[in-house]
Every structure is written in C-alpha cells, then in structure tokens.
Amino acid sequence: MRHVNADDLERLEPLLRDLRTIDSLRERRPGTFTRRSRAFLHFHADGDELLADVRLGEEFERHPATTETQRAELLRAIKSALKGT
C-alpha cells in the first residue's frame, strides 16, 4: 500500500472537486485535507484500489474510494459527519 500519486489523484478528481467546496476543509497538498489544522483525510492506493483514510470521529477509518458509488458514499459520510459538529 502506498500514498496516491498524480495518476491516482486524477482518478479522484471529481471527488476532490467536491471536497474542495466544503468550507471547513483545507487541502494542504493535493489529496490531503485538514480540518481545524488537524489531519482529516488522505488517500492510499493498493494495486488498482483507492482507499481513503478519513477522521469521521476521533480515529481514522479506512473507506474504499475506487468506484464512483464508493466515492459518493464517502462524500455523504463526510458531509454527515461535518454537519454533526
């Protein structure tokens, strides 16, 4: 497993565009987001699979982010978690 590279980020671009519109998130470097100066979201690749490590609660959770459906579910979970805080 590795951190994503430029090709992986291109595959994630539609999701990244959506994440960039969320006011409480800041993209510190491509594909790496913080919230209130605390690490919040980054991505990994494992072969062809893309995975997101996201802090929806106190700890990071790993979520699949390979397919469009998985990315939509991830975005919903992020928005829901941020709404509750």
PDB file of N, CA and C in Angstrom:
ATOM      1  N   MET A   1       0.853  -1.159   0.000  1.00  0.00           N
ATOM      2  CA  MET A   1       0.000   0.000   0.000  1.00  0.00           C
ATOM      3  C   MET A   1       0.910   1.237   0.000  1.00  0.00           C
ATOM      4  N   ARG A   2       0.466   2.260  -0.725  1.00  0.00           N
ATOM      5  CA  ARG A   2       1.258   3.481  -0.850  1.00  0.00           C
ATOM      6  C   ARG A   2       0.322   4.688  -0.848  1.00  0.00           C
ATOM      7  N   HIS A   3       0.893   5.853  -0.624  1.00  0.00           N
ATOM      8  CA  HIS A   3       0.113   7.076  -0.796  1.00  0.00           C
ATOM      9  C   HIS A   3      -0.141   7.277  -2.281  1.00  0.00           C
ATOM     10  N   VAL A   4      -1.214   7.964  -2.601  1.00  0.00           N
ATOM     11  CA  VAL A   4      -1.577   8.154  -4.006  1.00  0.00           C
ATOM     12  C   VAL A   4      -0.539   9.002  -4.736  1.00  0.00           C
ATOM     13  N   ASN A   5      -0.466   8.768  -6.043  1.00  0.00           N
ATOM     14  CA  ASN A   5       0.411   9.556  -6.899  1.00  0.00           C
ATOM     15  C   ASN A   5      -0.449  10.424  -7.823  1.00  0.00           C
ATOM     16  N   ALA A   6       0.177  11.115  -8.748  1.00  0.00           N
ATOM     17  CA  ALA A   6      -0.537  12.039  -9.635  1.00  0.00           C
ATOM     18  C   ALA A   6      -1.602  11.321 -10.467  1.00  0.00           C
ATOM     19  N   ASP A   7      -1.320  10.120 -10.958  1.00  0.00           N
ATOM     20  CA  ASP A   7      -2.312   9.374 -11.747  1.00  0.00           C
ATOM     21  C   ASP A   7      -3.522   9.002 -10.888  1.00  0.00           C
ATOM     22  N   ASP A   8      -3.265   8.590  -9.653  1.00  0.00           N
ATOM     23  CA  ASP A   8      -4.362   8.251  -8.741  1.00  0.00           C
ATOM     24  C   ASP A   8      -5.210   9.484  -8.449  1.00  0.00           C
ATOM     25  N   LEU A   9      -4.559  10.607  -8.222  1.00  0.00           N
ATOM     26  CA  LEU A   9      -5.292  11.844  -7.938  1.00  0.00           C
ATOM     27  C   LEU A   9      -6.173  12.252  -9.108  1.00  0.00           C
ATOM     28  N   GLU A  10      -5.706  11.983 -10.304  1.00  0.00           N
ATOM     29  CA  GLU A  10      -6.536  12.296 -11.475  1.00  0.00           C
ATOM     30  C   GLU A  10      -7.809  11.453 -11.470  1.00  0.00           C
ATOM     31  N   ARG A  11      -7.702  10.201 -11.075  1.00  0.00           N
ATOM     32  CA  ARG A  11      -8.882   9.342 -10.967  1.00  0.00           C
ATOM     33  C   ARG A  11      -9.841   9.860  -9.899  1.00  0.00           C
ATOM     34  N   LEU A  12      -9.304  10.503  -8.872  1.00  0.00           N
ATOM     35  CA  LEU A  12     -10.105  11.012  -7.762  1.00  0.00           C
ATOM     36  C   LEU A  12     -10.604  12.434  -7.988  1.00  0.00           C
ATOM     37  N   GLU A  13     -10.250  13.050  -9.090  1.00  0.00           N
ATOM     38  CA  GLU A  13     -10.519  14.477  -9.297  1.00  0.00           C
ATOM     39  C   GLU A  13     -11.973  14.889  -9.083  1.00  0.00           C
ATOM     40  N   PRO A  14     -12.967  14.146  -9.578  1.00  0.00           N
ATOM     41  CA  PRO A  14     -14.351  14.575  -9.305  1.00  0.00           C
ATOM     42  C   PRO A  14     -14.655  14.658  -7.797  1.00  0.00           C
ATOM     43  N   LEU A  15     -14.182  13.704  -7.032  1.00  0.00           N
ATOM     44  CA  LEU A  15     -14.372  13.727  -5.587  1.00  0.00           C
ATOM     45  C   LEU A  15     -13.593  14.886  -4.975  1.00  0.00           C
ATOM     46  N   LEU A  16     -12.365  15.082  -5.409  1.00  0.00           N
ATOM     47  CA  LEU A  16     -11.551  16.170  -4.868  1.00  0.00           C
ATOM     48  C   LEU A  16     -12.206  17.523  -5.119  1.00  0.00           C
ATOM     49  N   ARG A  17     -12.792  17.708  -6.289  1.00  0.00           N
ATOM     50  CA  ARG A  17     -13.502  18.962  -6.589  1.00  0.00           C
ATOM     51  C   ARG A  17     -14.629  19.186  -5.588  1.00  0.00           C
ATOM     52  N   ASP A  18     -15.379  18.133  -5.294  1.00  0.00           N
ATOM     53  CA  ASP A  18     -16.475  18.247  -4.326  1.00  0.00           C
ATOM     54  C   ASP A  18     -15.948  18.563  -2.924  1.00  0.00           C
ATOM     55  N   LEU A  19     -14.863  17.903  -2.542  1.00  0.00           N
ATOM     56  CA  LEU A  19     -14.299  18.132  -1.217  1.00  0.00           C
ATOM     57  C   LEU A  19     -13.792  19.564  -1.078  1.00  0.00           C
ATOM     58  N   ARG A  20     -13.257  20.114  -2.147  1.00  0.00           N
ATOM     59  CA  ARG A  20     -12.726  21.485  -2.109  1.00  0.00           C
ATOM     60  C   ARG A  20     -13.820  22.522  -1.888  1.00  0.00           C
ATOM     61  N   THR A  21     -15.077  22.159  -2.094  1.00  0.00           N
ATOM     62  CA  THR A  21     -16.175  23.110  -1.893  1.00  0.00           C
ATOM     63  C   THR A  21     -16.664  23.140  -0.441  1.00  0.00           C
ATOM     64  N   ILE A  22     -16.189  22.232   0.386  1.00  0.00           N
ATOM     65  CA  ILE A  22     -16.602  22.171   1.787  1.00  0.00           C
ATOM     66  C   ILE A  22     -15.760  23.177   2.576  1.00  0.00           C
ATOM     67  N   ASP A  23     -16.425  24.184   3.099  1.00  0.00           N
ATOM     68  CA  ASP A  23     -15.736  25.304   3.747  1.00  0.00           C
ATOM     69  C   ASP A  23     -14.828  24.899   4.902  1.00  0.00           C
ATOM     70  N   SER A  24     -15.202  23.907   5.663  1.00  0.00           N
ATOM     71  CA  SER A  24     -14.419  23.563   6.855  1.00  0.00           C
ATOM     72  C   SER A  24     -13.185  22.711   6.541  1.00  0.00           C
ATOM     73  N   LEU A  25     -13.007  22.321   5.285  1.00  0.00           N
ATOM     74  CA  LEU A  25     -11.838  21.529   4.895  1.00  0.00           C
ATOM     75  C   LEU A  25     -10.834  22.391   4.141  1.00  0.00           C
ATOM     76  N   ARG A  26      -9.554  22.117   4.350  1.00  0.00           N
ATOM     77  CA  ARG A  26      -8.481  22.786   3.624  1.00  0.00           C
ATOM     78  C   ARG A  26      -7.589  21.724   3.002  1.00  0.00           C
ATOM     79  N   GLU A  27      -7.308  21.885   1.740  1.00  0.00           N
ATOM     80  CA  GLU A  27      -6.416  20.950   1.043  1.00  0.00           C
ATOM     81  C   GLU A  27      -4.991  21.477   1.200  1.00  0.00           C
ATOM     82  N   ARG A  28      -4.221  20.827   2.049  1.00  0.00           N
ATOM     83  CA  ARG A  28      -2.864  21.274   2.354  1.00  0.00           C
ATOM     84  C   ARG A  28      -1.869  20.898   1.267  1.00  0.00           C
ATOM     85  N   ARG A  29      -2.107  19.768   0.645  1.00  0.00           N
ATOM     86  CA  ARG A  29      -1.383  19.348  -0.561  1.00  0.00           C
ATOM     87  C   ARG A  29      -2.352  18.480  -1.333  1.00  0.00           C
ATOM     88  N   PRO A  30      -2.109  18.244  -2.592  1.00  0.00           N
ATOM     89  CA  PRO A  30      -3.107  17.519  -3.401  1.00  0.00           C
ATOM     90  C   PRO A  30      -3.558  16.208  -2.742  1.00  0.00           C
ATOM     91  N   GLY A  31      -4.868  16.134  -2.484  1.00  0.00           N
ATOM     92  CA  GLY A  31      -5.460  14.923  -1.931  1.00  0.00           C
ATOM     93  C   GLY A  31      -5.339  14.759  -0.433  1.00  0.00           C
ATOM     94  N   THR A  32      -4.784  15.748   0.256  1.00  0.00           N
ATOM     95  CA  THR A  32      -4.627  15.692   1.707  1.00  0.00           C
ATOM     96  C   THR A  32      -5.344  16.885   2.320  1.00  0.00           C
ATOM     97  N   PHE A  33      -6.336  16.594   3.158  1.00  0.00           N
ATOM     98  CA  PHE A  33      -7.188  17.633   3.722  1.00  0.00           C
ATOM     99  C   PHE A  33      -7.055  17.683   5.232  1.00  0.00           C
ATOM    100  N   THR A  34      -7.174  18.894   5.752  1.00  0.00           N
ATOM    101  CA  THR A  34      -7.204  19.097   7.198  1.00  0.00           C
ATOM    102  C   THR A  34      -8.509  19.784   7.562  1.00  0.00           C
ATOM    103  N   ARG A  35      -8.823  19.688   8.832  1.00  0.00           N
ATOM    104  CA  ARG A  35      -9.990  20.386   9.387  1.00  0.00           C
ATOM    105  C   ARG A  35      -9.554  20.968  10.716  1.00  0.00           C
ATOM    106  N   ARG A  36      -9.656  22.288  10.829  1.00  0.00           N
ATOM    107  CA  ARG A  36      -9.186  22.972  12.046  1.00  0.00           C
ATOM    108  C   ARG A  36      -7.740  22.610  12.370  1.00  0.00           C
ATOM    109  N   SER A  37      -6.899  22.613  11.380  1.00  0.00           N
ATOM    110  CA  SER A  37      -5.458  22.315  11.470  1.00  0.00           C
ATOM    111  C   SER A  37      -5.153  20.874  11.880  1.00  0.00           C
ATOM    112  N   ARG A  38      -6.140  20.017  11.914  1.00  0.00           N
ATOM    113  CA  ARG A  38      -5.955  18.603  12.263  1.00  0.00           C
ATOM    114  C   ARG A  38      -6.133  17.757  11.016  1.00  0.00           C
ATOM    115  N   ALA A  39      -5.267  16.775  10.828  1.00  0.00           N
ATOM    116  CA  ALA A  39      -5.386  15.877   9.677  1.00  0.00           C
ATOM    117  C   ALA A  39      -6.790  15.294   9.633  1.00  0.00           C
ATOM    118  N   PHE A  40      -7.394  15.301   8.443  1.00  0.00           N
ATOM    119  CA  PHE A  40      -8.766  14.830   8.308  1.00  0.00           C
ATOM    120  C   PHE A  40      -8.912  13.736   7.254  1.00  0.00           C
ATOM    121  N   LEU A  41      -8.250  13.869   6.108  1.00  0.00           N
ATOM    122  CA  LEU A  41      -8.479  12.945   5.000  1.00  0.00           C
ATOM    123  C   LEU A  41      -7.247  12.870   4.114  1.00  0.00           C
ATOM    124  N   HIS A  42      -6.874  11.645   3.750  1.00  0.00           N
ATOM    125  CA  HIS A  42      -5.835  11.414   2.745  1.00  0.00           C
ATOM    126  C   HIS A  42      -6.132  10.076   2.073  1.00  0.00           C
ATOM    127  N   PHE A  43      -5.438   9.821   0.998  1.00  0.00           N
ATOM    128  CA  PHE A  43      -5.739   8.650   0.173  1.00  0.00           C
ATOM    129  C   PHE A  43      -4.527   7.748   0.016  1.00  0.00           C
ATOM    130  N   HIS A  44      -4.844   6.460  -0.163  1.00  0.00           N
ATOM    131  CA  HIS A  44      -3.842   5.431  -0.436  1.00  0.00           C
ATOM    132  C   HIS A  44      -4.261   4.670  -1.688  1.00  0.00           C
ATOM    133  N   ALA A  45      -3.284   3.994  -2.265  1.00  0.00           N
ATOM    134  CA  ALA A  45      -3.556   3.085  -3.377  1.00  0.00           C
ATOM    135  C   ALA A  45      -2.969   1.725  -3.028  1.00  0.00           C
ATOM    136  N   ASP A  46      -3.726   0.704  -3.374  1.00  0.00           N
ATOM    137  CA  ASP A  46      -3.287  -0.676  -3.180  1.00  0.00           C
ATOM    138  C   ASP A  46      -3.598  -1.399  -4.476  1.00  0.00           C
ATOM    139  N   GLY A  47      -2.606  -1.511  -5.340  1.00  0.00           N
ATOM    140  CA  GLY A  47      -2.854  -2.013  -6.688  1.00  0.00           C
ATOM    141  C   GLY A  47      -3.743  -1.010  -7.406  1.00  0.00           C
ATOM    142  N   ASP A  48      -4.857  -1.468  -7.963  1.00  0.00           N
ATOM    143  CA  ASP A  48      -5.807  -0.580  -8.642  1.00  0.00           C
ATOM    144  C   ASP A  48      -6.849   0.015  -7.689  1.00  0.00           C
ATOM    145  N   GLU A  49      -6.839  -0.425  -6.447  1.00  0.00           N
ATOM    146  CA  GLU A  49      -7.830   0.039  -5.479  1.00  0.00           C
ATOM    147  C   GLU A  49      -7.388   1.363  -4.857  1.00  0.00           C
ATOM    148  N   LEU A  50      -8.334   2.270  -4.687  1.00  0.00           N
ATOM    149  CA  LEU A  50      -8.095   3.527  -4.000  1.00  0.00           C
ATOM    150  C   LEU A  50      -8.833   3.495  -2.668  1.00  0.00           C
ATOM    151  N   LEU A  51      -8.170   3.981  -1.627  1.00  0.00           N
ATOM    152  CA  LEU A  51      -8.723   3.945  -0.279  1.00  0.00           C
ATOM    153  C   LEU A  51      -8.565   5.314   0.356  1.00  0.00           C
ATOM    154  N   ALA A  52      -9.542   5.690   1.150  1.00  0.00           N
ATOM    155  CA  ALA A  52      -9.496   6.962   1.863  1.00  0.00           C
ATOM    156  C   ALA A  52      -9.377   6.689   3.353  1.00  0.00           C
ATOM    157  N   ASP A  53      -8.432   7.355   3.986  1.00  0.00           N
ATOM    158  CA  ASP A  53      -8.355   7.368   5.442  1.00  0.00           C
ATOM    159  C   ASP A  53      -8.966   8.686   5.869  1.00  0.00           C
ATOM    160  N   VAL A  54     -10.079   8.612   6.588  1.00  0.00           N
ATOM    161  CA  VAL A  54     -10.822   9.812   6.963  1.00  0.00           C
ATOM    162  C   VAL A  54     -11.171   9.759   8.439  1.00  0.00           C
ATOM    163  N   ARG A  55     -11.086  10.908   9.076  1.00  0.00           N
ATOM    164  CA  ARG A  55     -11.372  11.012  10.508  1.00  0.00           C
ATOM    165  C   ARG A  55     -12.821  11.482  10.656  1.00  0.00           C
ATOM    166  N   LEU A  56     -13.768  10.545  10.651  1.00  0.00           N
ATOM    167  CA  LEU A  56     -15.181  10.880  10.822  1.00  0.00           C
ATOM    168  C   LEU A  56     -15.535  11.032  12.292  1.00  0.00           C
ATOM    169  N   GLY A  57     -14.727  10.433  13.139  1.00  0.00           N
ATOM    170  CA  GLY A  57     -14.874  10.545  14.590  1.00  0.00           C
ATOM    171  C   GLY A  57     -13.525  10.934  15.154  1.00  0.00           C
ATOM    172  N   GLU A  58     -13.104  10.257  16.203  1.00  0.00           N
ATOM    173  CA  GLU A  58     -11.810  10.566  16.822  1.00  0.00           C
ATOM    174  C   GLU A  58     -10.641   9.899  16.103  1.00  0.00           C
ATOM    175  N   GLU A  59     -10.896   8.761  15.484  1.00  0.00           N
ATOM    176  CA  GLU A  59      -9.836   7.988  14.835  1.00  0.00           C
ATOM    177  C   GLU A  59     -10.055   7.945  13.329  1.00  0.00           C
ATOM    178  N   PHE A  60      -8.977   7.689  12.598  1.00  0.00           N
ATOM    179  CA  PHE A  60      -9.098   7.495  11.163  1.00  0.00           C
ATOM    180  C   PHE A  60      -9.797   6.178  10.871  1.00  0.00           C
ATOM    181  N   GLU A  61     -10.629   6.201   9.847  1.00  0.00           N
ATOM    182  CA  GLU A  61     -11.296   4.997   9.347  1.00  0.00           C
ATOM    183  C   GLU A  61     -10.928   4.866   7.880  1.00  0.00           C
ATOM    184  N   ARG A  62     -10.751   3.653   7.425  1.00  0.00           N
ATOM    185  CA  ARG A  62     -10.421   3.415   6.015  1.00  0.00           C
ATOM    186  C   ARG A  62     -11.703   3.101   5.249  1.00  0.00           C
ATOM    187  N   HIS A  63     -11.897   3.808   4.126  1.00  0.00           N
ATOM    188  CA  HIS A  63     -13.073   3.636   3.279  1.00  0.00           C
ATOM    189  C   HIS A  63     -12.637   3.398   1.850  1.00  0.00           C
ATOM    190  N   PRO A  64     -13.297   2.491   1.141  1.00  0.00           N
ATOM    191  CA  PRO A  64     -12.984   2.292  -0.274  1.00  0.00           C
ATOM    192  C   PRO A  64     -13.365   3.532  -1.082  1.00  0.00           C
ATOM    193  N   ALA A  65     -12.566   3.854  -2.086  1.00  0.00           N
ATOM    194  CA  ALA A  65     -12.829   5.035  -2.913  1.00  0.00           C
ATOM    195  C   ALA A  65     -12.491   4.770  -4.371  1.00  0.00           C
ATOM    196  N   THR A  66     -12.641   3.530  -4.788  1.00  0.00           N
ATOM    197  CA  THR A  66     -12.276   3.164  -6.149  1.00  0.00           C
ATOM    198  C   THR A  66     -13.374   3.505  -7.147  1.00  0.00           C
ATOM    199  N   THR A  67     -14.605   3.141  -6.820  1.00  0.00           N
ATOM    200  CA  THR A  67     -15.695   3.320  -7.771  1.00  0.00           C
ATOM    201  C   THR A  67     -16.420   4.637  -7.510  1.00  0.00           C
ATOM    202  N   GLU A  68     -17.175   5.054  -8.485  1.00  0.00           N
ATOM    203  CA  GLU A  68     -17.983   6.261  -8.340  1.00  0.00           C
ATOM    204  C   GLU A  68     -18.972   6.128  -7.183  1.00  0.00           C
ATOM    205  N   THR A  69     -19.564   4.953  -7.055  1.00  0.00           N
ATOM    206  CA  THR A  69     -20.508   4.700  -5.965  1.00  0.00           C
ATOM    207  C   THR A  69     -19.810   4.809  -4.613  1.00  0.00           C
ATOM    208  N   GLN A  70     -18.632   4.226  -4.484  1.00  0.00           N
ATOM    209  CA  GLN A  70     -17.886   4.295  -3.232  1.00  0.00           C
ATOM    210  C   GLN A  70     -17.512   5.732  -2.889  1.00  0.00           C
ATOM    211  N   ARG A  71     -17.117   6.497  -3.893  1.00  0.00           N
ATOM    212  CA  ARG A  71     -16.746   7.892  -3.660  1.00  0.00           C
ATOM    213  C   ARG A  71     -17.966   8.714  -3.243  1.00  0.00           C
ATOM    214  N   ALA A  72     -19.131   8.434  -3.834  1.00  0.00           N
ATOM    215  CA  ALA A  72     -20.362   9.143  -3.456  1.00  0.00           C
ATOM    216  C   ALA A  72     -20.735   8.815  -2.010  1.00  0.00           C
ATOM    217  N   GLU A  73     -20.597   7.557  -1.615  1.00  0.00           N
ATOM    218  CA  GLU A  73     -20.880   7.162  -0.236  1.00  0.00           C
ATOM    219  C   GLU A  73     -19.911   7.839   0.726  1.00  0.00           C
ATOM    220  N   LEU A  74     -18.646   7.916   0.347  1.00  0.00           N
ATOM    221  CA  LEU A  74     -17.644   8.575   1.173  1.00  0.00           C
ATOM    222  C   LEU A  74     -17.983  10.049   1.345  1.00  0.00           C
ATOM    223  N   LEU A  75     -18.342  10.719   0.270  1.00  0.00           N
ATOM    224  CA  LEU A  75     -18.691  12.130   0.341  1.00  0.00           C
ATOM    225  C   LEU A  75     -19.904  12.349   1.246  1.00  0.00           C
ATOM    226  N   ARG A  76     -20.903  11.483   1.139  1.00  0.00           N
ATOM    227  CA  ARG A  76     -22.086  11.585   2.017  1.00  0.00           C
ATOM    228  C   ARG A  76     -21.691  11.418   3.485  1.00  0.00           C
ATOM    229  N   ALA A  77     -20.825  10.447   3.758  1.00  0.00           N
ATOM    230  CA  ALA A  77     -20.388  10.209   5.137  1.00  0.00           C
ATOM    231  C   ALA A  77     -19.616  11.404   5.683  1.00  0.00           C
ATOM    232  N   ILE A  78     -18.784  12.003   4.855  1.00  0.00           N
ATOM    233  CA  ILE A  78     -18.013  13.175   5.276  1.00  0.00           C
ATOM    234  C   ILE A  78     -18.956  14.339   5.574  1.00  0.00           C
ATOM    235  N   LYS A  79     -19.875  14.612   4.665  1.00  0.00           N
ATOM    236  CA  LYS A  79     -20.805  15.722   4.872  1.00  0.00           C
ATOM    237  C   LYS A  79     -21.660  15.496   6.112  1.00  0.00           C
ATOM    238  N   SER A  80     -22.095  14.265   6.335  1.00  0.00           N
ATOM    239  CA  SER A  80     -22.893  13.945   7.507  1.00  0.00           C
ATOM    240  C   SER A  80     -22.088  14.148   8.788  1.00  0.00           C
ATOM    241  N   ALA A  81     -20.850  13.701   8.798  1.00  0.00           N
ATOM    242  CA  ALA A  81     -20.001  13.847   9.984  1.00  0.00           C
ATOM    243  C   ALA A  81     -19.730  15.323  10.269  1.00  0.00           C
ATOM    244  N   LEU A  82     -19.508  16.107   9.236  1.00  0.00           N
ATOM    245  CA  LEU A  82     -19.212  17.524   9.431  1.00  0.00           C
ATOM    246  C   LEU A  82     -20.452  18.315   9.845  1.00  0.00           C
ATOM    247  N   LYS A  83     -21.599  17.861   9.410  1.00  0.00           N
ATOM    248  CA  LYS A  83     -22.852  18.527   9.785  1.00  0.00           C
ATOM    249  C   LYS A  83     -23.110  18.385  11.281  1.00  0.00           C
ATOM    250  N   GLY A  84     -22.722  17.251  11.822  1.00  0.00           N
ATOM    251  CA  GLY A  84     -22.968  16.974  13.231  1.00  0.00           C
ATOM    252  C   GLY A  84     -22.018  17.687  14.177  1.00  0.00           C
ATOM    253  N   THR A  85     -21.065  18.435  13.630  1.00  0.00           N
ATOM    254  CA  THR A  85     -20.102  19.113  14.525  1.00  0.00           C
ATOM    255  C   THR A  85     -20.178  20.596  14.406  1.00  0.00           C
TER     256      THR A  85
END
